[in-house]
Amino acid sequence: MTVRQEIEDKLRAAFQTRDIQVVDDSASHAGHAGAPAAGQSHFNVMLRSPEFAGKNRIARHRAVHAALGPDLIGRIHALALDLDV
């Protein structure tokens, strides 16, 4: 399973998703410091969930990080999050 799929699966399991897009943007960062040669390190996530209602940006980011867990977060070099209701 790819890291992109693992991210999407964990987020779908943790949140009621109205819309979700997980994009592996690793190729755009090839050769940059911290970017592994194998890729699967830079991701853009757009997630819409009613569970974000009333939560500020930091609380939303923390919820996503908790859903992904420390093991998966530790394998990701960069994670851009676009989170809304």
PDB file of N, CA and C in Angstrom:
ATOM      1  N   MET A   1       0.845  -1.175   0.000  1.00  0.00           N
ATOM      2  CA  MET A   1       0.000   0.000   0.000  1.00  0.00           C
ATOM      3  C   MET A   1       0.892   1.240   0.000  1.00  0.00           C
ATOM      4  N   THR A   2       0.523   2.217  -0.793  1.00  0.00           N
ATOM      5  CA  THR A   2       1.298   3.458  -0.845  1.00  0.00           C
ATOM      6  C   THR A   2       1.013   4.304   0.387  1.00  0.00           C
ATOM      7  N   VAL A   3       1.921   5.211   0.672  1.00  0.00           N
ATOM      8  CA  VAL A   3       1.724   6.134   1.789  1.00  0.00           C
ATOM      9  C   VAL A   3       0.494   7.005   1.512  1.00  0.00           C
ATOM     10  N   ARG A   4       0.311   7.409   0.270  1.00  0.00           N
ATOM     11  CA  ARG A   4      -0.858   8.219  -0.090  1.00  0.00           C
ATOM     12  C   ARG A   4      -2.153   7.488   0.262  1.00  0.00           C
ATOM     13  N   GLN A   5      -2.223   6.217  -0.086  1.00  0.00           N
ATOM     14  CA  GLN A   5      -3.415   5.420   0.217  1.00  0.00           C
ATOM     15  C   GLN A   5      -3.574   5.221   1.718  1.00  0.00           C
ATOM     16  N   GLU A   6      -2.479   5.035   2.416  1.00  0.00           N
ATOM     17  CA  GLU A   6      -2.525   4.861   3.868  1.00  0.00           C
ATOM     18  C   GLU A   6      -3.071   6.121   4.541  1.00  0.00           C
ATOM     19  N   ILE A   7      -2.637   7.292   4.070  1.00  0.00           N
ATOM     20  CA  ILE A   7      -3.148   8.556   4.607  1.00  0.00           C
ATOM     21  C   ILE A   7      -4.655   8.638   4.374  1.00  0.00           C
ATOM     22  N   GLU A   8      -5.074   8.394   3.140  1.00  0.00           N
ATOM     23  CA  GLU A   8      -6.496   8.493   2.821  1.00  0.00           C
ATOM     24  C   GLU A   8      -7.326   7.507   3.637  1.00  0.00           C
ATOM     25  N   ASP A   9      -6.882   6.278   3.751  1.00  0.00           N
ATOM     26  CA  ASP A   9      -7.622   5.261   4.504  1.00  0.00           C
ATOM     27  C   ASP A   9      -7.782   5.667   5.973  1.00  0.00           C
ATOM     28  N   LYS A  10      -6.714   6.161   6.577  1.00  0.00           N
ATOM     29  CA  LYS A  10      -6.775   6.546   7.993  1.00  0.00           C
ATOM     30  C   LYS A  10      -7.701   7.736   8.197  1.00  0.00           C
ATOM     31  N   LEU A  11      -7.657   8.689   7.279  1.00  0.00           N
ATOM     32  CA  LEU A  11      -8.529   9.860   7.413  1.00  0.00           C
ATOM     33  C   LEU A  11      -9.987   9.491   7.189  1.00  0.00           C
ATOM     34  N   ARG A  12     -10.258   8.625   6.240  1.00  0.00           N
ATOM     35  CA  ARG A  12     -11.644   8.174   6.012  1.00  0.00           C
ATOM     36  C   ARG A  12     -12.178   7.410   7.233  1.00  0.00           C
ATOM     37  N   ALA A  13     -11.317   6.657   7.891  1.00  0.00           N
ATOM     38  CA  ALA A  13     -11.726   5.903   9.073  1.00  0.00           C
ATOM     39  C   ALA A  13     -11.967   6.813  10.281  1.00  0.00           C
ATOM     40  N   ALA A  14     -11.247   7.914  10.349  1.00  0.00           N
ATOM     41  CA  ALA A  14     -11.314   8.785  11.523  1.00  0.00           C
ATOM     42  C   ALA A  14     -12.355   9.893  11.417  1.00  0.00           C
ATOM     43  N   PHE A  15     -12.689  10.310  10.200  1.00  0.00           N
ATOM     44  CA  PHE A  15     -13.577  11.449  10.001  1.00  0.00           C
ATOM     45  C   PHE A  15     -14.734  11.102   9.075  1.00  0.00           C
ATOM     46  N   GLN A  16     -15.831  11.832   9.247  1.00  0.00           N
ATOM     47  CA  GLN A  16     -16.927  11.766   8.278  1.00  0.00           C
ATOM     48  C   GLN A  16     -16.498  12.684   7.136  1.00  0.00           C
ATOM     49  N   THR A  17     -16.067  12.123   6.055  1.00  0.00           N
ATOM     50  CA  THR A  17     -15.518  12.934   4.975  1.00  0.00           C
ATOM     51  C   THR A  17     -16.592  13.318   3.968  1.00  0.00           C
ATOM     52  N   ARG A  18     -16.755  14.632   3.789  1.00  0.00           N
ATOM     53  CA  ARG A  18     -17.627  15.123   2.722  1.00  0.00           C
ATOM     54  C   ARG A  18     -16.840  15.147   1.421  1.00  0.00           C
ATOM     55  N   ASP A  19     -15.550  15.430   1.538  1.00  0.00           N
ATOM     56  CA  ASP A  19     -14.661  15.458   0.369  1.00  0.00           C
ATOM     57  C   ASP A  19     -13.239  15.239   0.872  1.00  0.00           C
ATOM     58  N   ILE A  20     -12.462  14.489   0.112  1.00  0.00           N
ATOM     59  CA  ILE A  20     -11.071  14.253   0.483  1.00  0.00           C
ATOM     60  C   ILE A  20     -10.243  14.080  -0.784  1.00  0.00           C
ATOM     61  N   GLN A  21      -9.071  14.690  -0.773  1.00  0.00           N
ATOM     62  CA  GLN A  21      -8.090  14.510  -1.837  1.00  0.00           C
ATOM     63  C   GLN A  21      -6.722  14.435  -1.179  1.00  0.00           C
ATOM     64  N   VAL A  22      -5.993  13.400  -1.498  1.00  0.00           N
ATOM     65  CA  VAL A  22      -4.627  13.251  -1.008  1.00  0.00           C
ATOM     66  C   VAL A  22      -3.729  13.167  -2.239  1.00  0.00           C
ATOM     67  N   VAL A  23      -2.833  14.126  -2.355  1.00  0.00           N
ATOM     68  CA  VAL A  23      -1.952  14.206  -3.522  1.00  0.00           C
ATOM     69  C   VAL A  23      -0.511  13.987  -3.076  1.00  0.00           C
ATOM     70  N   ASP A  24       0.156  13.042  -3.717  1.00  0.00           N
ATOM     71  CA  ASP A  24       1.587  12.809  -3.480  1.00  0.00           C
ATOM     72  C   ASP A  24       2.358  13.802  -4.340  1.00  0.00           C
ATOM     73  N   ASP A  25       2.974  14.779  -3.695  1.00  0.00           N
ATOM     74  CA  ASP A  25       3.702  15.838  -4.388  1.00  0.00           C
ATOM     75  C   ASP A  25       5.212  15.631  -4.282  1.00  0.00           C
ATOM     76  N   SER A  26       5.631  14.418  -3.974  1.00  0.00           N
ATOM     77  CA  SER A  26       7.045  14.115  -3.741  1.00  0.00           C
ATOM     78  C   SER A  26       7.923  14.403  -4.952  1.00  0.00           C
ATOM     79  N   ALA A  27       7.422  14.161  -6.147  1.00  0.00           N
ATOM     80  CA  ALA A  27       8.229  14.380  -7.350  1.00  0.00           C
ATOM     81  C   ALA A  27       8.653  15.836  -7.492  1.00  0.00           C
ATOM     82  N   SER A  28       7.828  16.753  -7.007  1.00  0.00           N
ATOM     83  CA  SER A  28       8.166  18.177  -7.078  1.00  0.00           C
ATOM     84  C   SER A  28       9.305  18.555  -6.140  1.00  0.00           C
ATOM     85  N   HIS A  29       9.608  17.671  -5.196  1.00  0.00           N
ATOM     86  CA  HIS A  29      10.626  17.968  -4.190  1.00  0.00           C
ATOM     87  C   HIS A  29      11.843  17.057  -4.303  1.00  0.00           C
ATOM     88  N   ALA A  30      11.923  16.289  -5.366  1.00  0.00           N
ATOM     89  CA  ALA A  30      13.062  15.373  -5.548  1.00  0.00           C
ATOM     90  C   ALA A  30      14.369  16.158  -5.518  1.00  0.00           C
ATOM     91  N   GLY A  31      15.311  15.658  -4.761  1.00  0.00           N
ATOM     92  CA  GLY A  31      16.617  16.292  -4.663  1.00  0.00           C
ATOM     93  C   GLY A  31      16.728  17.331  -3.561  1.00  0.00           C
ATOM     94  N   HIS A  32      15.607  17.727  -2.960  1.00  0.00           N
ATOM     95  CA  HIS A  32      15.645  18.705  -1.871  1.00  0.00           C
ATOM     96  C   HIS A  32      16.148  18.024  -0.600  1.00  0.00           C
ATOM     97  N   ALA A  33      16.720  18.809   0.287  1.00  0.00           N
ATOM     98  CA  ALA A  33      17.194  18.284   1.567  1.00  0.00           C
ATOM     99  C   ALA A  33      16.040  17.643   2.322  1.00  0.00           C
ATOM    100  N   GLY A  34      16.237  16.452   2.820  1.00  0.00           N
ATOM    101  CA  GLY A  34      15.223  15.746   3.584  1.00  0.00           C
ATOM    102  C   GLY A  34      14.261  14.923   2.750  1.00  0.00           C
ATOM    103  N   ALA A  35      14.325  15.063   1.448  1.00  0.00           N
ATOM    104  CA  ALA A  35      13.430  14.296   0.581  1.00  0.00           C
ATOM    105  C   ALA A  35      14.096  12.975   0.223  1.00  0.00           C
ATOM    106  N   PRO A  36      13.524  11.858   0.649  1.00  0.00           N
ATOM    107  CA  PRO A  36      14.129  10.567   0.335  1.00  0.00           C
ATOM    108  C   PRO A  36      14.068  10.254  -1.163  1.00  0.00           C
ATOM    109  N   ALA A  37      15.043   9.546  -1.640  1.00  0.00           N
ATOM    110  CA  ALA A  37      15.118   9.202  -3.065  1.00  0.00           C
ATOM    111  C   ALA A  37      13.920   8.362  -3.504  1.00  0.00           C
ATOM    112  N   ALA A  38      13.374   7.580  -2.592  1.00  0.00           N
ATOM    113  CA  ALA A  38      12.249   6.707  -2.926  1.00  0.00           C
ATOM    114  C   ALA A  38      10.928   7.461  -3.058  1.00  0.00           C
ATOM    115  N   GLY A  39      10.906   8.742  -2.674  1.00  0.00           N
ATOM    116  CA  GLY A  39       9.672   9.515  -2.759  1.00  0.00           C
ATOM    117  C   GLY A  39       8.718   9.199  -1.629  1.00  0.00           C
ATOM    118  N   GLN A  40       7.418   9.389  -1.868  1.00  0.00           N
ATOM    119  CA  GLN A  40       6.375   9.172  -0.863  1.00  0.00           C
ATOM    120  C   GLN A  40       6.681   9.923   0.427  1.00  0.00           C
ATOM    121  N   SER A  41       7.006  11.211   0.287  1.00  0.00           N
ATOM    122  CA  SER A  41       7.407  11.986   1.454  1.00  0.00           C
ATOM    123  C   SER A  41       6.693  13.328   1.582  1.00  0.00           C
ATOM    124  N   HIS A  42       6.138  13.849   0.497  1.00  0.00           N
ATOM    125  CA  HIS A  42       5.490  15.165   0.491  1.00  0.00           C
ATOM    126  C   HIS A  42       4.042  15.001   0.017  1.00  0.00           C
ATOM    127  N   PHE A  43       3.108  15.462   0.854  1.00  0.00           N
ATOM    128  CA  PHE A  43       1.703  15.254   0.536  1.00  0.00           C
ATOM    129  C   PHE A  43       0.883  16.513   0.772  1.00  0.00           C
ATOM    130  N   ASN A  44      -0.121  16.693  -0.070  1.00  0.00           N
ATOM    131  CA  ASN A  44      -1.119  17.746   0.086  1.00  0.00           C
ATOM    132  C   ASN A  44      -2.449  17.060   0.357  1.00  0.00           C
ATOM    133  N   VAL A  45      -3.094  17.459   1.436  1.00  0.00           N
ATOM    134  CA  VAL A  45      -4.370  16.864   1.815  1.00  0.00           C
ATOM    135  C   VAL A  45      -5.442  17.951   1.871  1.00  0.00           C
ATOM    136  N   MET A  46      -6.538  17.713   1.185  1.00  0.00           N
ATOM    137  CA  MET A  46      -7.728  18.554   1.279  1.00  0.00           C
ATOM    138  C   MET A  46      -8.808  17.657   1.878  1.00  0.00           C
ATOM    139  N   LEU A  47      -9.339  18.090   3.014  1.00  0.00           N
ATOM    140  CA  LEU A  47     -10.344  17.288   3.709  1.00  0.00           C
ATOM    141  C   LEU A  47     -11.473  18.188   4.181  1.00  0.00           C
ATOM    142  N   ARG A  48     -12.689  17.805   3.872  1.00  0.00           N
ATOM    143  CA  ARG A  48     -13.884  18.502   4.332  1.00  0.00           C
ATOM    144  C   ARG A  48     -14.663  17.541   5.221  1.00  0.00           C
ATOM    145  N   SER A  49     -14.903  17.981   6.468  1.00  0.00           N
ATOM    146  CA  SER A  49     -15.602  17.134   7.420  1.00  0.00           C
ATOM    147  C   SER A  49     -16.408  17.991   8.387  1.00  0.00           C
ATOM    148  N   PRO A  50     -17.636  17.600   8.685  1.00  0.00           N
ATOM    149  CA  PRO A  50     -18.419  18.350   9.662  1.00  0.00           C
ATOM    150  C   PRO A  50     -17.787  18.329  11.056  1.00  0.00           C
ATOM    151  N   GLU A  51     -16.900  17.409  11.302  1.00  0.00           N
ATOM    152  CA  GLU A  51     -16.246  17.319  12.613  1.00  0.00           C
ATOM    153  C   GLU A  51     -15.293  18.484  12.871  1.00  0.00           C
ATOM    154  N   PHE A  52     -14.987  19.248  11.843  1.00  0.00           N
ATOM    155  CA  PHE A  52     -14.116  20.410  12.017  1.00  0.00           C
ATOM    156  C   PHE A  52     -14.890  21.661  12.449  1.00  0.00           C
ATOM    157  N   ALA A  53     -16.214  21.588  12.452  1.00  0.00           N
ATOM    158  CA  ALA A  53     -17.030  22.737  12.840  1.00  0.00           C
ATOM    159  C   ALA A  53     -16.672  23.185  14.257  1.00  0.00           C
ATOM    160  N   GLY A  54     -16.465  24.470  14.415  1.00  0.00           N
ATOM    161  CA  GLY A  54     -16.159  25.030  15.727  1.00  0.00           C
ATOM    162  C   GLY A  54     -14.719  24.854  16.177  1.00  0.00           C
ATOM    163  N   LYS A  55     -13.894  24.202  15.364  1.00  0.00           N
ATOM    164  CA  LYS A  55     -12.482  24.001  15.717  1.00  0.00           C
ATOM    165  C   LYS A  55     -11.621  24.991  14.938  1.00  0.00           C
ATOM    166  N   ASN A  56     -10.631  25.539  15.620  1.00  0.00           N
ATOM    167  CA  ASN A  56      -9.713  26.434  14.916  1.00  0.00           C
ATOM    168  C   ASN A  56      -8.701  25.612  14.106  1.00  0.00           C
ATOM    169  N   ARG A  57      -7.871  26.307  13.353  1.00  0.00           N
ATOM    170  CA  ARG A  57      -6.918  25.648  12.454  1.00  0.00           C
ATOM    171  C   ARG A  57      -5.994  24.696  13.212  1.00  0.00           C
ATOM    172  N   ILE A  58      -5.506  25.111  14.360  1.00  0.00           N
ATOM    173  CA  ILE A  58      -4.580  24.268  15.126  1.00  0.00           C
ATOM    174  C   ILE A  58      -5.278  23.005  15.611  1.00  0.00           C
ATOM    175  N   ALA A  59      -6.502  23.131  16.091  1.00  0.00           N
ATOM    176  CA  ALA A  59      -7.244  21.953  16.562  1.00  0.00           C
ATOM    177  C   ALA A  59      -7.522  20.983  15.410  1.00  0.00           C
ATOM    178  N   ARG A  60      -7.808  21.526  14.237  1.00  0.00           N
ATOM    179  CA  ARG A  60      -8.045  20.674  13.070  1.00  0.00           C
ATOM    180  C   ARG A  60      -6.774  19.924  12.690  1.00  0.00           C
ATOM    181  N   HIS A  61      -5.649  20.627  12.668  1.00  0.00           N
ATOM    182  CA  HIS A  61      -4.368  19.991  12.327  1.00  0.00           C
ATOM    183  C   HIS A  61      -4.020  18.917  13.349  1.00  0.00           C
ATOM    184  N   ARG A  62      -4.222  19.216  14.615  1.00  0.00           N
ATOM    185  CA  ARG A  62      -3.927  18.218  15.655  1.00  0.00           C
ATOM    186  C   ARG A  62      -4.797  16.975  15.495  1.00  0.00           C
ATOM    187  N   ALA A  63      -6.053  17.166  15.122  1.00  0.00           N
ATOM    188  CA  ALA A  63      -6.954  16.021  14.928  1.00  0.00           C
ATOM    189  C   ALA A  63      -6.472  15.139  13.785  1.00  0.00           C
ATOM    190  N   VAL A  64      -6.012  15.755  12.704  1.00  0.00           N
ATOM    191  CA  VAL A  64      -5.501  14.983  11.564  1.00  0.00           C
ATOM    192  C   VAL A  64      -4.228  14.244  11.957  1.00  0.00           C
ATOM    193  N   HIS A  65      -3.318  14.927  12.631  1.00  0.00           N
ATOM    194  CA  HIS A  65      -2.072  14.281  13.059  1.00  0.00           C
ATOM    195  C   HIS A  65      -2.369  13.104  13.987  1.00  0.00           C
ATOM    196  N   ALA A  66      -3.328  13.265  14.892  1.00  0.00           N
ATOM    197  CA  ALA A  66      -3.696  12.174  15.796  1.00  0.00           C
ATOM    198  C   ALA A  66      -4.279  11.000  15.014  1.00  0.00           C
ATOM    199  N   ALA A  67      -5.102  11.300  14.007  1.00  0.00           N
ATOM    200  CA  ALA A  67      -5.704  10.234  13.198  1.00  0.00           C
ATOM    201  C   ALA A  67      -4.649   9.465  12.414  1.00  0.00           C
ATOM    202  N   LEU A  68      -3.640  10.168  11.925  1.00  0.00           N
ATOM    203  CA  LEU A  68      -2.593   9.499  11.148  1.00  0.00           C
ATOM    204  C   LEU A  68      -1.644   8.710  12.050  1.00  0.00           C
ATOM    205  N   GLY A  69      -1.431   9.176  13.259  1.00  0.00           N
ATOM    206  CA  GLY A  69      -0.586   8.470  14.215  1.00  0.00           C
ATOM    207  C   GLY A  69       0.886   8.779  14.049  1.00  0.00           C
ATOM    208  N   PRO A  70       1.657   8.604  15.108  1.00  0.00           N
ATOM    209  CA  PRO A  70       3.075   8.968  15.096  1.00  0.00           C
ATOM    210  C   PRO A  70       3.927   8.177  14.103  1.00  0.00           C
ATOM    211  N   ASP A  71       3.575   6.914  13.862  1.00  0.00           N
ATOM    212  CA  ASP A  71       4.360   6.106  12.922  1.00  0.00           C
ATOM    213  C   ASP A  71       4.271   6.677  11.507  1.00  0.00           C
ATOM    214  N   LEU A  72       3.049   6.938  11.060  1.00  0.00           N
ATOM    215  CA  LEU A  72       2.867   7.459   9.711  1.00  0.00           C
ATOM    216  C   LEU A  72       3.394   8.895   9.610  1.00  0.00           C
ATOM    217  N   ILE A  73       3.115   9.723  10.593  1.00  0.00           N
ATOM    218  CA  ILE A  73       3.620  11.103  10.591  1.00  0.00           C
ATOM    219  C   ILE A  73       5.145  11.095  10.528  1.00  0.00           C
ATOM    220  N   GLY A  74       5.784  10.154  11.192  1.00  0.00           N
ATOM    221  CA  GLY A  74       7.239  10.057  11.195  1.00  0.00           C
ATOM    222  C   GLY A  74       7.834   9.709   9.839  1.00  0.00           C
ATOM    223  N   ARG A  75       7.027   9.130   8.954  1.00  0.00           N
ATOM    224  CA  ARG A  75       7.510   8.769   7.614  1.00  0.00           C
ATOM    225  C   ARG A  75       7.249   9.850   6.571  1.00  0.00           C
ATOM    226  N   ILE A  76       6.552  10.899   6.969  1.00  0.00           N
ATOM    227  CA  ILE A  76       6.208  11.983   6.050  1.00  0.00           C
ATOM    228  C   ILE A  76       7.113  13.171   6.319  1.00  0.00           C
ATOM    229  N   HIS A  77       7.733  13.689   5.272  1.00  0.00           N
ATOM    230  CA  HIS A  77       8.611  14.853   5.424  1.00  0.00           C
ATOM    231  C   HIS A  77       7.811  16.149   5.435  1.00  0.00           C
ATOM    232  N   ALA A  78       6.791  16.251   4.600  1.00  0.00           N
ATOM    233  CA  ALA A  78       5.976  17.468   4.524  1.00  0.00           C
ATOM    234  C   ALA A  78       4.528  17.097   4.288  1.00  0.00           C
ATOM    235  N   LEU A  79       3.644  17.747   5.048  1.00  0.00           N
ATOM    236  CA  LEU A  79       2.217  17.483   4.952  1.00  0.00           C
ATOM    237  C   LEU A  79       1.476  18.817   4.946  1.00  0.00           C
ATOM    238  N   ALA A  80       0.969  19.199   3.799  1.00  0.00           N
ATOM    239  CA  ALA A  80       0.193  20.434   3.668  1.00  0.00           C
ATOM    240  C   ALA A  80      -1.283  20.081   3.857  1.00  0.00           C
ATOM    241  N   LEU A  81      -1.944  20.794   4.774  1.00  0.00           N
ATOM    242  CA  LEU A  81      -3.321  20.476   5.101  1.00  0.00           C
ATOM    243  C   LEU A  81      -4.257  21.625   4.773  1.00  0.00           C
ATOM    244  N   ASP A  82      -5.329  21.317   4.066  1.00  0.00           N
ATOM    245  CA  ASP A  82      -6.408  22.256   3.747  1.00  0.00           C
ATOM    246  C   ASP A  82      -7.660  21.630   4.348  1.00  0.00           C
ATOM    247  N   LEU A  83      -8.046  22.093   5.544  1.00  0.00           N
ATOM    248  CA  LEU A  83      -9.111  21.448   6.302  1.00  0.00           C
ATOM    249  C   LEU A  83     -10.258  22.425   6.522  1.00  0.00           C
ATOM    250  N   ASP A  84     -11.474  21.964   6.265  1.00  0.00           N
ATOM    251  CA  ASP A  84     -12.644  22.821   6.458  1.00  0.00           C
ATOM    252  C   ASP A  84     -13.869  21.943   6.676  1.00  0.00           C
ATOM    253  N   VAL A  85     -14.956  22.589   7.003  1.00  0.00           N
ATOM    254  CA  VAL A  85     -16.219  21.906   7.271  1.00  0.00           C
ATOM    255  C   VAL A  85     -16.837  21.401   5.988  1.00  0.00           C
TER     256      VAL A  85
END
